[in-house]
C-alpha atoms as a PDB file:
ATOM      1  CA  MET A   1     141.593 100.016 -16.203  1.00  0.00           C
ATOM      2  CA  LEU A   2     138.808  98.772 -13.244  1.00  0.00           C
ATOM      3  CA  ARG A   3     138.123 100.628 -10.797  1.00  0.00           C
ATOM      4  CA  PRO A   4     139.373 100.166  -6.640  1.00  0.00           C
ATOM      5  CA  SER A   5     136.228  99.096  -5.908  1.00  0.00           C
ATOM      6  CA  CYS A   6     135.824  96.860  -8.642  1.00  0.00           C
ATOM      7  CA  ALA A   7     139.035  95.448  -8.532  1.00  0.00           C
ATOM      8  CA  VAL A   8     138.774  94.881  -4.417  1.00  0.00           C
ATOM      9  CA  HIS A   9     135.307  93.327  -5.368  1.00  0.00           C
ATOM     10  CA  ILE A  10     136.544  90.806  -7.232  1.00  0.00           C
ATOM     11  CA  TYR A  11     139.791  90.060  -5.105  1.00  0.00           C
ATOM     12  CA  SER A  12     137.211  89.471  -2.267  1.00  0.00           C
ATOM     13  CA  ALA A  13     135.386  87.154  -4.895  1.00  0.00           C
ATOM     14  CA  PHE A  14     138.110  85.406  -5.933  1.00  0.00           C
ATOM     15  CA  TRP A  15     138.817  84.126  -2.371  1.00  0.00           C
ATOM     16  CA  VAL A  16     135.028  83.103  -1.569  1.00  0.00           C
ATOM     17  CA  LYS A  17     135.399  80.407  -4.106  1.00  0.00           C
ATOM     18  CA  LEU A  18     138.442  79.810  -2.531  1.00  0.00           C
ATOM     19  CA  LEU A  19     137.112  78.974   0.713  1.00  0.00           C
ATOM     20  CA  ILE A  20     134.077  77.393  -0.527  1.00  0.00           C
ATOM     21  CA  ARG A  21     136.534  74.804  -2.380  1.00  0.00           C
ATOM     22  CA  LYS A  22     138.086  74.308   1.403  1.00  0.00           C
ATOM     23  CA  SER A  23     135.118  73.773   3.129  1.00  0.00           C
ATOM     24  CA  ARG A  24     134.028  71.579   0.724  1.00  0.00           C
ATOM     25  CA  PHE A  25     137.458  69.104   1.128  1.00  0.00           C
ATOM     26  CA  CYS A  26     137.744  69.199   4.401  1.00  0.00           C
END
């Protein structure tokens, strides 16, 4: 299993990518 810290890091990176995509669309 992934460690909580690693999971949070991946989760945050995922949202960062979504924000970048949204900013590009705008």
